[in-house]
Amino acid sequence: MGDHLIVLHSAVRACAGYSRHDAPSILLDGSSMARDTEHGRAVTSQLARRHGTLEEAIEAGVFALGTAGLSKGIRRQARAACEDYFYNRLGLTPSDELGGREEIAEGLELMPDAMYRALQDIVELVVDGDYEELRAVSGNRLRVEDLRRRIEDDCPESLVLPPRAIYRVEAIAKSDDPDMPGWAYFFDLWTETGPARLHIEGELEESGERFTATLNDILP
């Protein structure tokens, strides 16, 4: 199961006041890369839609939920939640253009070194295109062909290793699931000019002074 941000994170992350923690989301089944799952059908169709304005991004998100097979009632609720968040809470307008450069917040605390090293190992595998290893660190849940398609075809960019300063505590969150203790991460990949379109999601599990990272998904 995946917690799917209804409006693509990469499309709206530069909007003033935006926070992925507060943005409307919905639980969808499966990886976003596997086209035979709810999540995969949604993101595949969403990527093919226009995201020039905020209105288009919201429309693309609601359309994607229909492609995933969700009912009209759920889609109406999703649209209302998105419009309330972006238009009422953030004070944005439907015609606001997207695609502006994201401002990197200064002064945020760096991620602890042990977490940084574990997460950096995952990022390095993505940058190197080591899909077999990425499949392994996903617990064999992600397929090599899905990983390759997402990185090379869906959102092709020249990825690089981010500087150490980018690995900040904002990217991690303590799990509130008693059956899955540890930390969750949500980390933007990087290009030579700044954040990439894709980000990675997964878990960090603590063992003594070390952390082990698991990859759950790679999303736009």
N, C-alpha and C. Protein backbone atom coordinates (compact mmCIF):
# COMPACT_ATOMS: atom_id res chain seq x y z
N MET A 1 0.84 -1.19 0.00
CA MET A 1 0.00 0.00 0.00
C MET A 1 0.88 1.24 0.00
N GLY A 2 0.47 2.29 -0.71
CA GLY A 2 1.25 3.51 -0.76
C GLY A 2 0.40 4.72 -0.48
N ASP A 3 0.93 5.67 0.28
CA ASP A 3 0.23 6.92 0.58
C ASP A 3 0.55 7.88 -0.56
N HIS A 4 -0.43 8.10 -1.42
CA HIS A 4 -0.24 8.83 -2.68
C HIS A 4 -0.65 10.29 -2.53
N LEU A 5 0.29 11.22 -2.76
CA LEU A 5 -0.04 12.64 -2.80
C LEU A 5 -0.89 12.88 -4.05
N ILE A 6 -2.09 13.41 -3.87
CA ILE A 6 -3.04 13.51 -4.97
C ILE A 6 -2.50 14.40 -6.09
N VAL A 7 -1.86 15.50 -5.74
CA VAL A 7 -1.21 16.36 -6.72
C VAL A 7 0.28 16.06 -6.69
N LEU A 8 0.88 15.89 -7.87
CA LEU A 8 2.29 15.51 -7.93
C LEU A 8 3.16 16.45 -7.10
N HIS A 9 3.96 15.85 -6.22
CA HIS A 9 4.88 16.62 -5.37
C HIS A 9 5.81 17.49 -6.21
N SER A 10 6.36 16.93 -7.27
CA SER A 10 7.34 17.69 -8.07
C SER A 10 6.71 18.87 -8.78
N ALA A 11 5.40 18.80 -9.03
CA ALA A 11 4.73 19.90 -9.72
C ALA A 11 4.50 21.09 -8.82
N VAL A 12 4.23 20.85 -7.53
CA VAL A 12 3.78 21.93 -6.65
C VAL A 12 4.73 22.24 -5.49
N ARG A 13 5.87 21.55 -5.40
CA ARG A 13 6.72 21.75 -4.23
C ARG A 13 7.29 23.16 -4.14
N ALA A 14 7.33 23.89 -5.28
CA ALA A 14 7.84 25.26 -5.24
C ALA A 14 6.76 26.28 -4.89
N CYS A 15 5.51 25.85 -4.74
CA CYS A 15 4.42 26.77 -4.39
C CYS A 15 4.63 27.32 -2.98
N ALA A 16 4.38 28.60 -2.80
CA ALA A 16 4.56 29.25 -1.50
C ALA A 16 3.70 28.57 -0.44
N GLY A 17 4.33 28.16 0.65
CA GLY A 17 3.62 27.57 1.77
C GLY A 17 3.40 26.08 1.67
N TYR A 18 3.73 25.47 0.52
CA TYR A 18 3.46 24.05 0.33
C TYR A 18 4.26 23.19 1.30
N SER A 19 3.60 22.17 1.86
CA SER A 19 4.25 21.16 2.69
C SER A 19 3.68 19.81 2.32
N ARG A 20 4.53 18.87 2.00
CA ARG A 20 4.05 17.53 1.65
C ARG A 20 3.36 16.86 2.83
N HIS A 21 3.70 17.29 4.06
CA HIS A 21 3.08 16.70 5.24
C HIS A 21 1.61 17.08 5.35
N ASP A 22 1.26 18.24 4.81
CA ASP A 22 -0.12 18.75 4.93
C ASP A 22 -0.94 18.56 3.65
N ALA A 23 -0.28 18.33 2.54
CA ALA A 23 -0.98 18.22 1.26
C ALA A 23 -1.89 16.99 1.24
N PRO A 24 -3.04 17.07 0.58
CA PRO A 24 -3.98 15.94 0.56
C PRO A 24 -3.36 14.69 -0.07
N SER A 25 -3.62 13.56 0.56
CA SER A 25 -3.11 12.28 0.05
C SER A 25 -4.18 11.22 0.23
N ILE A 26 -3.96 10.08 -0.41
CA ILE A 26 -4.91 8.98 -0.36
C ILE A 26 -4.13 7.68 -0.45
N LEU A 27 -4.63 6.65 0.22
CA LEU A 27 -3.95 5.36 0.23
C LEU A 27 -4.32 4.58 -1.02
N LEU A 28 -3.31 4.20 -1.80
CA LEU A 28 -3.53 3.40 -3.01
C LEU A 28 -2.71 2.12 -2.92
N ASP A 29 -3.19 1.10 -3.57
CA ASP A 29 -2.55 -0.21 -3.51
C ASP A 29 -1.36 -0.29 -4.47
N GLY A 30 -0.24 -0.81 -3.96
CA GLY A 30 0.89 -1.16 -4.81
C GLY A 30 1.90 -0.06 -5.05
N SER A 31 2.96 -0.42 -5.74
CA SER A 31 4.01 0.52 -6.14
C SER A 31 3.50 1.43 -7.25
N SER A 32 3.99 2.67 -7.26
CA SER A 32 3.60 3.60 -8.32
C SER A 32 4.23 3.25 -9.66
N MET A 33 5.23 2.37 -9.65
CA MET A 33 5.93 2.01 -10.89
C MET A 33 5.32 0.82 -11.59
N ALA A 34 4.56 0.00 -10.85
CA ALA A 34 3.96 -1.20 -11.44
C ALA A 34 2.61 -0.83 -12.06
N ARG A 35 2.50 -0.93 -13.35
CA ARG A 35 1.32 -0.41 -14.03
C ARG A 35 0.07 -1.27 -13.84
N ASP A 36 0.20 -2.40 -13.14
CA ASP A 36 -0.96 -3.24 -12.89
C ASP A 36 -1.54 -3.03 -11.49
N THR A 37 -1.13 -1.97 -10.80
CA THR A 37 -1.66 -1.66 -9.47
C THR A 37 -2.46 -0.35 -9.51
N GLU A 38 -3.25 -0.11 -8.46
CA GLU A 38 -3.96 1.17 -8.34
C GLU A 38 -3.00 2.33 -8.43
N HIS A 39 -1.94 2.25 -7.63
CA HIS A 39 -0.98 3.36 -7.56
C HIS A 39 -0.29 3.55 -8.91
N GLY A 40 0.09 2.44 -9.53
CA GLY A 40 0.77 2.53 -10.82
C GLY A 40 -0.09 3.11 -11.91
N ARG A 41 -1.35 2.70 -11.96
CA ARG A 41 -2.26 3.25 -12.98
C ARG A 41 -2.47 4.74 -12.78
N ALA A 42 -2.58 5.15 -11.51
CA ALA A 42 -2.78 6.57 -11.22
C ALA A 42 -1.59 7.41 -11.67
N VAL A 43 -0.39 7.04 -11.26
CA VAL A 43 0.78 7.86 -11.58
C VAL A 43 1.10 7.82 -13.07
N THR A 44 0.92 6.68 -13.70
CA THR A 44 1.18 6.58 -15.14
C THR A 44 0.30 7.57 -15.91
N SER A 45 -0.98 7.61 -15.59
CA SER A 45 -1.88 8.54 -16.30
C SER A 45 -1.61 9.98 -15.90
N GLN A 46 -1.25 10.19 -14.65
CA GLN A 46 -0.98 11.55 -14.17
C GLN A 46 0.22 12.17 -14.88
N LEU A 47 1.24 11.37 -15.11
CA LEU A 47 2.44 11.87 -15.78
C LEU A 47 2.17 12.31 -17.21
N ALA A 48 1.13 11.77 -17.82
CA ALA A 48 0.83 12.12 -19.21
C ALA A 48 -0.02 13.38 -19.33
N ARG A 49 -0.48 13.95 -18.22
CA ARG A 49 -1.34 15.13 -18.24
C ARG A 49 -0.52 16.41 -18.12
N ARG A 50 -1.12 17.52 -18.51
CA ARG A 50 -0.47 18.83 -18.40
C ARG A 50 -0.42 19.27 -16.94
N HIS A 51 0.69 19.93 -16.58
CA HIS A 51 0.86 20.47 -15.23
C HIS A 51 1.38 21.90 -15.31
N GLY A 52 0.87 22.68 -16.28
CA GLY A 52 1.36 24.04 -16.45
C GLY A 52 0.87 24.99 -15.40
N THR A 53 -0.35 24.76 -14.91
CA THR A 53 -0.94 25.62 -13.89
C THR A 53 -1.40 24.75 -12.72
N LEU A 54 -1.71 25.41 -11.61
CA LEU A 54 -2.19 24.68 -10.44
C LEU A 54 -3.51 23.98 -10.75
N GLU A 55 -4.39 24.63 -11.48
CA GLU A 55 -5.67 24.02 -11.84
C GLU A 55 -5.44 22.74 -12.64
N GLU A 56 -4.49 22.77 -13.59
CA GLU A 56 -4.19 21.58 -14.39
C GLU A 56 -3.61 20.47 -13.53
N ALA A 57 -2.77 20.82 -12.56
CA ALA A 57 -2.16 19.81 -11.69
C ALA A 57 -3.21 19.12 -10.84
N ILE A 58 -4.17 19.89 -10.33
CA ILE A 58 -5.26 19.30 -9.53
C ILE A 58 -6.13 18.43 -10.43
N GLU A 59 -6.45 18.93 -11.61
CA GLU A 59 -7.26 18.15 -12.55
C GLU A 59 -6.56 16.84 -12.91
N ALA A 60 -5.25 16.89 -13.11
CA ALA A 60 -4.50 15.68 -13.44
C ALA A 60 -4.55 14.67 -12.29
N GLY A 61 -4.48 15.18 -11.06
CA GLY A 61 -4.54 14.30 -9.90
C GLY A 61 -5.88 13.61 -9.77
N VAL A 62 -6.95 14.35 -9.98
CA VAL A 62 -8.30 13.78 -9.88
C VAL A 62 -8.55 12.81 -11.03
N PHE A 63 -8.12 13.17 -12.23
CA PHE A 63 -8.24 12.27 -13.38
C PHE A 63 -7.51 10.95 -13.11
N ALA A 64 -6.33 11.04 -12.50
CA ALA A 64 -5.54 9.84 -12.22
C ALA A 64 -6.27 8.89 -11.27
N LEU A 65 -6.99 9.45 -10.31
CA LEU A 65 -7.74 8.60 -9.39
C LEU A 65 -8.84 7.84 -10.12
N GLY A 66 -9.41 8.46 -11.13
CA GLY A 66 -10.39 7.76 -11.96
C GLY A 66 -9.75 6.62 -12.71
N THR A 67 -8.56 6.85 -13.26
CA THR A 67 -7.83 5.79 -13.97
C THR A 67 -7.51 4.63 -13.04
N ALA A 68 -7.28 4.94 -11.77
CA ALA A 68 -6.99 3.90 -10.79
C ALA A 68 -8.23 3.11 -10.40
N GLY A 69 -9.39 3.60 -10.79
CA GLY A 69 -10.63 2.89 -10.51
C GLY A 69 -11.40 3.37 -9.31
N LEU A 70 -11.03 4.54 -8.75
CA LEU A 70 -11.74 5.05 -7.59
C LEU A 70 -13.08 5.66 -8.01
N SER A 71 -14.04 5.62 -7.12
CA SER A 71 -15.40 6.05 -7.43
C SER A 71 -15.48 7.57 -7.61
N LYS A 72 -16.58 8.01 -8.25
CA LYS A 72 -16.79 9.44 -8.44
C LYS A 72 -16.89 10.17 -7.11
N GLY A 73 -17.51 9.52 -6.12
CA GLY A 73 -17.64 10.15 -4.82
C GLY A 73 -16.29 10.42 -4.18
N ILE A 74 -15.38 9.47 -4.24
CA ILE A 74 -14.03 9.64 -3.68
C ILE A 74 -13.29 10.71 -4.46
N ARG A 75 -13.47 10.73 -5.79
CA ARG A 75 -12.78 11.74 -6.60
C ARG A 75 -13.29 13.14 -6.29
N ARG A 76 -14.59 13.27 -6.03
CA ARG A 76 -15.13 14.58 -5.65
C ARG A 76 -14.53 15.04 -4.32
N GLN A 77 -14.42 14.13 -3.37
CA GLN A 77 -13.82 14.46 -2.08
C GLN A 77 -12.35 14.85 -2.25
N ALA A 78 -11.64 14.14 -3.12
CA ALA A 78 -10.23 14.44 -3.36
C ALA A 78 -10.07 15.83 -3.96
N ARG A 79 -10.92 16.16 -4.93
CA ARG A 79 -10.85 17.48 -5.55
C ARG A 79 -11.12 18.57 -4.51
N ALA A 80 -12.15 18.36 -3.69
CA ALA A 80 -12.50 19.35 -2.67
C ALA A 80 -11.35 19.55 -1.68
N ALA A 81 -10.70 18.46 -1.30
CA ALA A 81 -9.58 18.55 -0.36
C ALA A 81 -8.41 19.32 -0.98
N CYS A 82 -8.13 19.06 -2.26
CA CYS A 82 -7.03 19.76 -2.94
C CYS A 82 -7.34 21.24 -3.11
N GLU A 83 -8.55 21.55 -3.52
CA GLU A 83 -8.92 22.96 -3.71
C GLU A 83 -8.90 23.70 -2.37
N ASP A 84 -9.36 23.05 -1.32
CA ASP A 84 -9.33 23.68 0.00
C ASP A 84 -7.89 23.95 0.43
N TYR A 85 -7.01 22.97 0.23
CA TYR A 85 -5.62 23.14 0.66
C TYR A 85 -4.90 24.22 -0.14
N PHE A 86 -4.95 24.12 -1.46
CA PHE A 86 -4.16 25.04 -2.29
C PHE A 86 -4.80 26.42 -2.41
N TYR A 87 -6.11 26.48 -2.56
CA TYR A 87 -6.76 27.76 -2.79
C TYR A 87 -7.12 28.47 -1.49
N ASN A 88 -7.67 27.75 -0.53
CA ASN A 88 -8.10 28.39 0.72
C ASN A 88 -6.97 28.52 1.74
N ARG A 89 -6.29 27.42 2.01
CA ARG A 89 -5.25 27.45 3.05
C ARG A 89 -4.00 28.19 2.58
N LEU A 90 -3.56 27.93 1.34
CA LEU A 90 -2.32 28.56 0.85
C LEU A 90 -2.57 29.87 0.13
N GLY A 91 -3.82 30.15 -0.22
CA GLY A 91 -4.14 31.40 -0.89
C GLY A 91 -3.66 31.47 -2.32
N LEU A 92 -3.48 30.31 -2.98
CA LEU A 92 -3.05 30.28 -4.37
C LEU A 92 -4.28 30.34 -5.28
N THR A 93 -4.05 30.49 -6.57
CA THR A 93 -5.17 30.59 -7.53
C THR A 93 -5.03 29.52 -8.60
N PRO A 94 -6.14 29.15 -9.24
CA PRO A 94 -6.08 28.12 -10.28
C PRO A 94 -5.11 28.44 -11.41
N SER A 95 -4.96 29.71 -11.73
CA SER A 95 -4.11 30.08 -12.87
C SER A 95 -2.63 30.23 -12.50
N ASP A 96 -2.27 30.03 -11.25
CA ASP A 96 -0.86 30.12 -10.86
C ASP A 96 -0.04 29.14 -11.68
N GLU A 97 1.04 29.64 -12.28
CA GLU A 97 1.89 28.79 -13.10
C GLU A 97 2.84 27.98 -12.24
N LEU A 98 3.08 26.73 -12.66
CA LEU A 98 3.97 25.84 -11.94
C LEU A 98 5.30 25.71 -12.68
N GLY A 99 6.25 25.09 -12.01
CA GLY A 99 7.54 24.85 -12.65
C GLY A 99 8.61 25.84 -12.24
N GLY A 100 8.31 26.72 -11.28
CA GLY A 100 9.32 27.66 -10.80
C GLY A 100 10.39 26.96 -9.98
N ARG A 101 11.49 27.62 -9.81
CA ARG A 101 12.60 27.04 -9.05
C ARG A 101 12.26 27.02 -7.56
N GLU A 102 12.50 25.88 -6.94
CA GLU A 102 12.22 25.74 -5.52
C GLU A 102 13.29 26.42 -4.68
N GLU A 103 12.85 27.16 -3.67
CA GLU A 103 13.79 27.77 -2.74
C GLU A 103 14.21 26.73 -1.70
N ILE A 104 15.51 26.53 -1.56
CA ILE A 104 16.03 25.58 -0.58
C ILE A 104 16.12 26.26 0.77
N ALA A 105 15.37 25.76 1.73
CA ALA A 105 15.34 26.38 3.06
C ALA A 105 16.71 26.30 3.73
N GLU A 106 17.09 27.38 4.35
CA GLU A 106 18.37 27.44 5.05
C GLU A 106 18.18 27.13 6.53
N GLY A 107 19.24 26.62 7.13
CA GLY A 107 19.26 26.49 8.58
C GLY A 107 18.62 25.24 9.14
N LEU A 108 18.12 24.32 8.26
CA LEU A 108 17.55 23.10 8.78
C LEU A 108 18.65 22.17 9.27
N GLU A 109 18.33 21.42 10.30
CA GLU A 109 19.32 20.53 10.92
C GLU A 109 19.69 19.40 9.97
N LEU A 110 20.98 19.05 9.97
CA LEU A 110 21.43 17.95 9.13
C LEU A 110 20.98 16.62 9.70
N MET A 111 20.74 15.66 8.83
CA MET A 111 20.42 14.30 9.21
C MET A 111 21.63 13.69 9.94
N PRO A 112 21.41 12.91 10.97
CA PRO A 112 22.54 12.24 11.64
C PRO A 112 23.37 11.42 10.65
N ASP A 113 24.67 11.33 10.91
CA ASP A 113 25.59 10.70 9.96
C ASP A 113 25.20 9.26 9.62
N ALA A 114 24.77 8.49 10.61
CA ALA A 114 24.43 7.08 10.35
C ALA A 114 23.25 6.98 9.40
N MET A 115 22.25 7.83 9.57
CA MET A 115 21.12 7.85 8.65
C MET A 115 21.56 8.32 7.26
N TYR A 116 22.38 9.36 7.24
CA TYR A 116 22.88 9.89 5.97
C TYR A 116 23.61 8.82 5.16
N ARG A 117 24.46 8.05 5.80
CA ARG A 117 25.22 7.03 5.07
C ARG A 117 24.30 5.96 4.49
N ALA A 118 23.30 5.54 5.27
CA ALA A 118 22.38 4.52 4.79
C ALA A 118 21.56 5.03 3.61
N LEU A 119 21.08 6.27 3.70
CA LEU A 119 20.28 6.84 2.63
C LEU A 119 21.13 7.15 1.41
N GLN A 120 22.34 7.60 1.63
CA GLN A 120 23.24 7.89 0.51
C GLN A 120 23.50 6.63 -0.33
N ASP A 121 23.57 5.47 0.34
CA ASP A 121 23.79 4.22 -0.40
C ASP A 121 22.65 3.98 -1.40
N ILE A 122 21.40 4.25 -0.98
CA ILE A 122 20.25 4.09 -1.88
C ILE A 122 20.34 5.09 -3.03
N VAL A 123 20.63 6.35 -2.70
CA VAL A 123 20.71 7.39 -3.73
C VAL A 123 21.79 7.04 -4.75
N GLU A 124 22.91 6.53 -4.29
CA GLU A 124 24.00 6.18 -5.19
C GLU A 124 23.58 5.07 -6.16
N LEU A 125 22.80 4.12 -5.69
CA LEU A 125 22.31 3.06 -6.56
C LEU A 125 21.40 3.62 -7.65
N VAL A 126 20.57 4.60 -7.29
CA VAL A 126 19.68 5.24 -8.27
C VAL A 126 20.51 6.00 -9.30
N VAL A 127 21.46 6.79 -8.83
CA VAL A 127 22.30 7.60 -9.72
C VAL A 127 23.07 6.69 -10.68
N ASP A 128 23.57 5.56 -10.17
CA ASP A 128 24.35 4.63 -11.00
C ASP A 128 23.48 3.75 -11.88
N GLY A 129 22.16 3.78 -11.67
CA GLY A 129 21.27 2.92 -12.44
C GLY A 129 21.47 1.44 -12.15
N ASP A 130 21.78 1.12 -10.90
CA ASP A 130 22.01 -0.27 -10.50
C ASP A 130 20.66 -0.89 -10.11
N TYR A 131 19.89 -1.29 -11.10
CA TYR A 131 18.51 -1.71 -10.86
C TYR A 131 18.41 -3.05 -10.13
N GLU A 132 19.36 -3.93 -10.34
CA GLU A 132 19.34 -5.20 -9.61
C GLU A 132 19.52 -4.97 -8.12
N GLU A 133 20.43 -4.08 -7.76
CA GLU A 133 20.64 -3.78 -6.34
C GLU A 133 19.45 -3.04 -5.76
N LEU A 134 18.86 -2.16 -6.55
CA LEU A 134 17.66 -1.46 -6.07
C LEU A 134 16.52 -2.45 -5.83
N ARG A 135 16.39 -3.42 -6.70
CA ARG A 135 15.38 -4.46 -6.47
C ARG A 135 15.66 -5.19 -5.15
N ALA A 136 16.93 -5.47 -4.90
CA ALA A 136 17.29 -6.18 -3.67
C ALA A 136 16.97 -5.36 -2.43
N VAL A 137 17.29 -4.05 -2.46
CA VAL A 137 17.04 -3.23 -1.26
C VAL A 137 15.56 -2.88 -1.12
N SER A 138 14.76 -3.24 -2.12
CA SER A 138 13.30 -3.10 -1.97
C SER A 138 12.69 -4.37 -1.38
N GLY A 139 13.54 -5.33 -1.02
CA GLY A 139 13.03 -6.61 -0.56
C GLY A 139 12.42 -7.40 -1.70
N ASN A 140 12.92 -7.16 -2.93
CA ASN A 140 12.45 -7.82 -4.15
C ASN A 140 10.99 -7.50 -4.49
N ARG A 141 10.48 -6.39 -3.93
CA ARG A 141 9.11 -5.99 -4.25
C ARG A 141 9.03 -5.17 -5.53
N LEU A 142 10.10 -4.45 -5.87
CA LEU A 142 10.12 -3.63 -7.08
C LEU A 142 10.81 -4.40 -8.20
N ARG A 143 10.26 -4.32 -9.39
CA ARG A 143 10.80 -5.05 -10.53
C ARG A 143 11.82 -4.20 -11.28
N VAL A 144 12.83 -4.87 -11.80
CA VAL A 144 13.90 -4.17 -12.52
C VAL A 144 13.33 -3.36 -13.68
N GLU A 145 12.41 -3.94 -14.44
CA GLU A 145 11.87 -3.24 -15.61
C GLU A 145 11.07 -2.00 -15.19
N ASP A 146 10.40 -2.07 -14.03
CA ASP A 146 9.65 -0.91 -13.54
C ASP A 146 10.59 0.19 -13.08
N LEU A 147 11.65 -0.18 -12.38
CA LEU A 147 12.65 0.79 -11.93
C LEU A 147 13.29 1.49 -13.13
N ARG A 148 13.68 0.72 -14.12
CA ARG A 148 14.33 1.31 -15.30
C ARG A 148 13.38 2.25 -16.04
N ARG A 149 12.13 1.85 -16.19
CA ARG A 149 11.17 2.70 -16.91
C ARG A 149 10.94 4.01 -16.18
N ARG A 150 10.79 3.96 -14.85
CA ARG A 150 10.54 5.18 -14.11
C ARG A 150 11.70 6.16 -14.22
N ILE A 151 12.93 5.67 -14.11
CA ILE A 151 14.10 6.54 -14.07
C ILE A 151 14.54 6.97 -15.47
N GLU A 152 14.45 6.07 -16.44
CA GLU A 152 14.99 6.37 -17.77
C GLU A 152 13.93 6.88 -18.75
N ASP A 153 12.67 6.49 -18.56
CA ASP A 153 11.64 6.84 -19.54
C ASP A 153 10.61 7.82 -19.00
N ASP A 154 10.05 7.52 -17.81
CA ASP A 154 9.00 8.39 -17.27
C ASP A 154 9.51 9.79 -16.95
N CYS A 155 10.65 9.86 -16.27
CA CYS A 155 11.20 11.15 -15.83
C CYS A 155 12.71 11.17 -16.06
N PRO A 156 13.14 11.16 -17.32
CA PRO A 156 14.58 11.09 -17.60
C PRO A 156 15.30 12.39 -17.24
N GLU A 157 16.29 12.28 -16.39
CA GLU A 157 17.14 13.42 -16.02
C GLU A 157 18.53 12.89 -15.73
N SER A 158 19.51 13.76 -15.82
CA SER A 158 20.88 13.39 -15.47
C SER A 158 21.05 13.58 -13.96
N LEU A 159 21.01 12.49 -13.22
CA LEU A 159 21.05 12.55 -11.76
C LEU A 159 22.47 12.55 -11.25
N VAL A 160 22.69 13.26 -10.14
CA VAL A 160 24.00 13.32 -9.49
C VAL A 160 23.80 13.08 -7.99
N LEU A 161 24.90 12.82 -7.28
CA LEU A 161 24.83 12.68 -5.84
C LEU A 161 24.62 14.06 -5.21
N PRO A 162 23.65 14.21 -4.33
CA PRO A 162 23.43 15.51 -3.68
C PRO A 162 24.57 15.84 -2.72
N PRO A 163 24.80 17.12 -2.46
CA PRO A 163 25.79 17.48 -1.43
C PRO A 163 25.29 17.06 -0.05
N ARG A 164 26.20 16.90 0.88
CA ARG A 164 25.85 16.48 2.24
C ARG A 164 24.81 17.40 2.86
N ALA A 165 24.86 18.69 2.55
CA ALA A 165 23.96 19.67 3.16
C ALA A 165 22.49 19.42 2.82
N ILE A 166 22.22 18.61 1.78
CA ILE A 166 20.84 18.36 1.37
C ILE A 166 20.19 17.29 2.24
N TYR A 167 20.99 16.48 2.90
CA TYR A 167 20.46 15.41 3.75
C TYR A 167 20.08 15.99 5.11
N ARG A 168 18.83 16.45 5.21
CA ARG A 168 18.38 17.17 6.41
C ARG A 168 17.25 16.42 7.10
N VAL A 169 17.00 16.78 8.33
CA VAL A 169 16.02 16.05 9.13
C VAL A 169 14.61 16.16 8.56
N GLU A 170 14.33 17.15 7.74
CA GLU A 170 13.00 17.29 7.14
C GLU A 170 12.66 16.08 6.28
N ALA A 171 13.68 15.37 5.80
CA ALA A 171 13.45 14.23 4.91
C ALA A 171 13.05 12.96 5.65
N ILE A 172 13.13 12.95 6.98
CA ILE A 172 12.84 11.73 7.73
C ILE A 172 11.74 11.99 8.75
N ALA A 173 11.04 10.92 9.11
CA ALA A 173 9.97 11.03 10.10
C ALA A 173 9.90 9.73 10.88
N LYS A 174 9.73 9.83 12.20
CA LYS A 174 9.61 8.66 13.04
C LYS A 174 8.31 7.93 12.74
N SER A 175 8.39 6.62 12.55
CA SER A 175 7.21 5.85 12.25
C SER A 175 6.27 5.83 13.45
N ASP A 176 4.97 5.99 13.18
CA ASP A 176 3.97 5.90 14.25
C ASP A 176 3.22 4.56 14.20
N ASP A 177 3.75 3.62 13.41
CA ASP A 177 3.16 2.29 13.31
C ASP A 177 3.89 1.36 14.27
N PRO A 178 3.20 0.87 15.33
CA PRO A 178 3.88 0.01 16.30
C PRO A 178 4.39 -1.30 15.70
N ASP A 179 3.80 -1.72 14.57
CA ASP A 179 4.25 -2.95 13.92
C ASP A 179 5.46 -2.73 13.02
N MET A 180 5.78 -1.47 12.75
CA MET A 180 6.92 -1.15 11.88
C MET A 180 7.75 -0.02 12.51
N PRO A 181 8.43 -0.31 13.62
CA PRO A 181 9.23 0.73 14.27
C PRO A 181 10.38 1.17 13.39
N GLY A 182 10.80 2.40 13.55
CA GLY A 182 11.90 2.93 12.76
C GLY A 182 11.55 4.30 12.20
N TRP A 183 12.13 4.61 11.06
CA TRP A 183 11.96 5.91 10.44
C TRP A 183 11.53 5.75 8.99
N ALA A 184 10.71 6.66 8.53
CA ALA A 184 10.36 6.74 7.11
C ALA A 184 11.15 7.89 6.50
N TYR A 185 11.53 7.75 5.22
CA TYR A 185 12.21 8.86 4.54
C TYR A 185 11.47 9.21 3.25
N PHE A 186 11.60 10.48 2.87
CA PHE A 186 11.02 11.05 1.65
C PHE A 186 12.08 12.02 1.16
N PHE A 187 12.82 11.64 0.12
CA PHE A 187 14.04 12.39 -0.22
C PHE A 187 14.08 12.69 -1.70
N ASP A 188 14.19 13.99 -2.05
CA ASP A 188 14.30 14.41 -3.44
C ASP A 188 15.65 14.00 -4.01
N LEU A 189 15.62 13.41 -5.20
CA LEU A 189 16.86 13.16 -5.93
C LEU A 189 17.39 14.49 -6.47
N TRP A 190 18.56 14.46 -7.11
CA TRP A 190 19.27 15.71 -7.38
C TRP A 190 19.86 15.71 -8.78
N THR A 191 19.92 16.92 -9.38
CA THR A 191 20.62 17.14 -10.64
C THR A 191 21.68 18.21 -10.42
N GLU A 192 22.42 18.51 -11.47
CA GLU A 192 23.46 19.55 -11.35
C GLU A 192 22.87 20.92 -11.02
N THR A 193 21.61 21.15 -11.34
CA THR A 193 21.00 22.46 -11.13
C THR A 193 20.05 22.52 -9.94
N GLY A 194 19.87 21.40 -9.23
CA GLY A 194 18.98 21.42 -8.07
C GLY A 194 18.15 20.16 -7.99
N PRO A 195 17.02 20.21 -7.26
CA PRO A 195 16.19 19.01 -7.08
C PRO A 195 15.72 18.42 -8.41
N ALA A 196 15.77 17.10 -8.49
CA ALA A 196 15.26 16.40 -9.66
C ALA A 196 13.75 16.28 -9.57
N ARG A 197 13.16 15.78 -10.63
CA ARG A 197 11.71 15.60 -10.62
C ARG A 197 11.31 14.44 -9.70
N LEU A 198 12.17 13.44 -9.60
CA LEU A 198 11.86 12.25 -8.82
C LEU A 198 12.33 12.36 -7.37
N HIS A 199 11.62 11.63 -6.50
CA HIS A 199 12.08 11.46 -5.12
C HIS A 199 11.95 9.99 -4.76
N ILE A 200 12.62 9.59 -3.69
CA ILE A 200 12.55 8.21 -3.23
C ILE A 200 11.86 8.16 -1.87
N GLU A 201 11.21 7.04 -1.61
CA GLU A 201 10.52 6.83 -0.34
C GLU A 201 10.87 5.45 0.19
N GLY A 202 10.97 5.34 1.51
CA GLY A 202 11.26 4.04 2.12
C GLY A 202 11.40 4.15 3.62
N GLU A 203 12.07 3.16 4.20
CA GLU A 203 12.24 3.11 5.65
C GLU A 203 13.72 3.01 6.03
N LEU A 204 14.02 3.50 7.21
CA LEU A 204 15.33 3.36 7.83
C LEU A 204 15.15 2.60 9.14
N GLU A 205 15.83 1.48 9.27
CA GLU A 205 15.72 0.67 10.47
C GLU A 205 17.02 0.73 11.25
N GLU A 206 16.91 1.00 12.54
CA GLU A 206 18.09 1.17 13.40
C GLU A 206 18.51 -0.17 13.99
N SER A 207 19.83 -0.40 13.97
CA SER A 207 20.42 -1.58 14.59
C SER A 207 21.72 -1.17 15.25
N GLY A 208 21.66 -0.94 16.58
CA GLY A 208 22.83 -0.41 17.27
C GLY A 208 23.11 1.00 16.81
N GLU A 209 24.31 1.22 16.27
CA GLU A 209 24.68 2.55 15.79
C GLU A 209 24.55 2.67 14.28
N ARG A 210 23.99 1.66 13.65
CA ARG A 210 23.86 1.65 12.20
C ARG A 210 22.39 1.70 11.79
N PHE A 211 22.16 2.11 10.55
CA PHE A 211 20.82 2.11 9.98
C PHE A 211 20.85 1.34 8.65
N THR A 212 19.77 0.62 8.39
CA THR A 212 19.59 -0.08 7.13
C THR A 212 18.42 0.56 6.40
N ALA A 213 18.63 0.91 5.13
CA ALA A 213 17.59 1.58 4.35
C ALA A 213 16.89 0.58 3.43
N THR A 214 15.57 0.70 3.35
CA THR A 214 14.76 -0.08 2.42
C THR A 214 14.07 0.88 1.45
N LEU A 215 14.03 0.52 0.18
CA LEU A 215 13.39 1.35 -0.83
C LEU A 215 11.97 0.84 -1.09
N ASN A 216 11.00 1.74 -0.97
CA ASN A 216 9.59 1.38 -1.24
C ASN A 216 9.11 1.84 -2.61
N ASP A 217 9.59 3.02 -3.06
CA ASP A 217 9.06 3.55 -4.32
C ASP A 217 9.93 4.71 -4.79
N ILE A 218 9.82 5.02 -6.07
CA ILE A 218 10.46 6.20 -6.68
C ILE A 218 9.36 6.93 -7.43
N LEU A 219 9.09 8.18 -7.04
CA LEU A 219 7.92 8.90 -7.55
C LEU A 219 8.27 10.31 -8.00
N PRO A 220 7.42 10.90 -8.88
CA PRO A 220 7.59 12.30 -9.26
C PRO A 220 6.92 13.24 -8.26
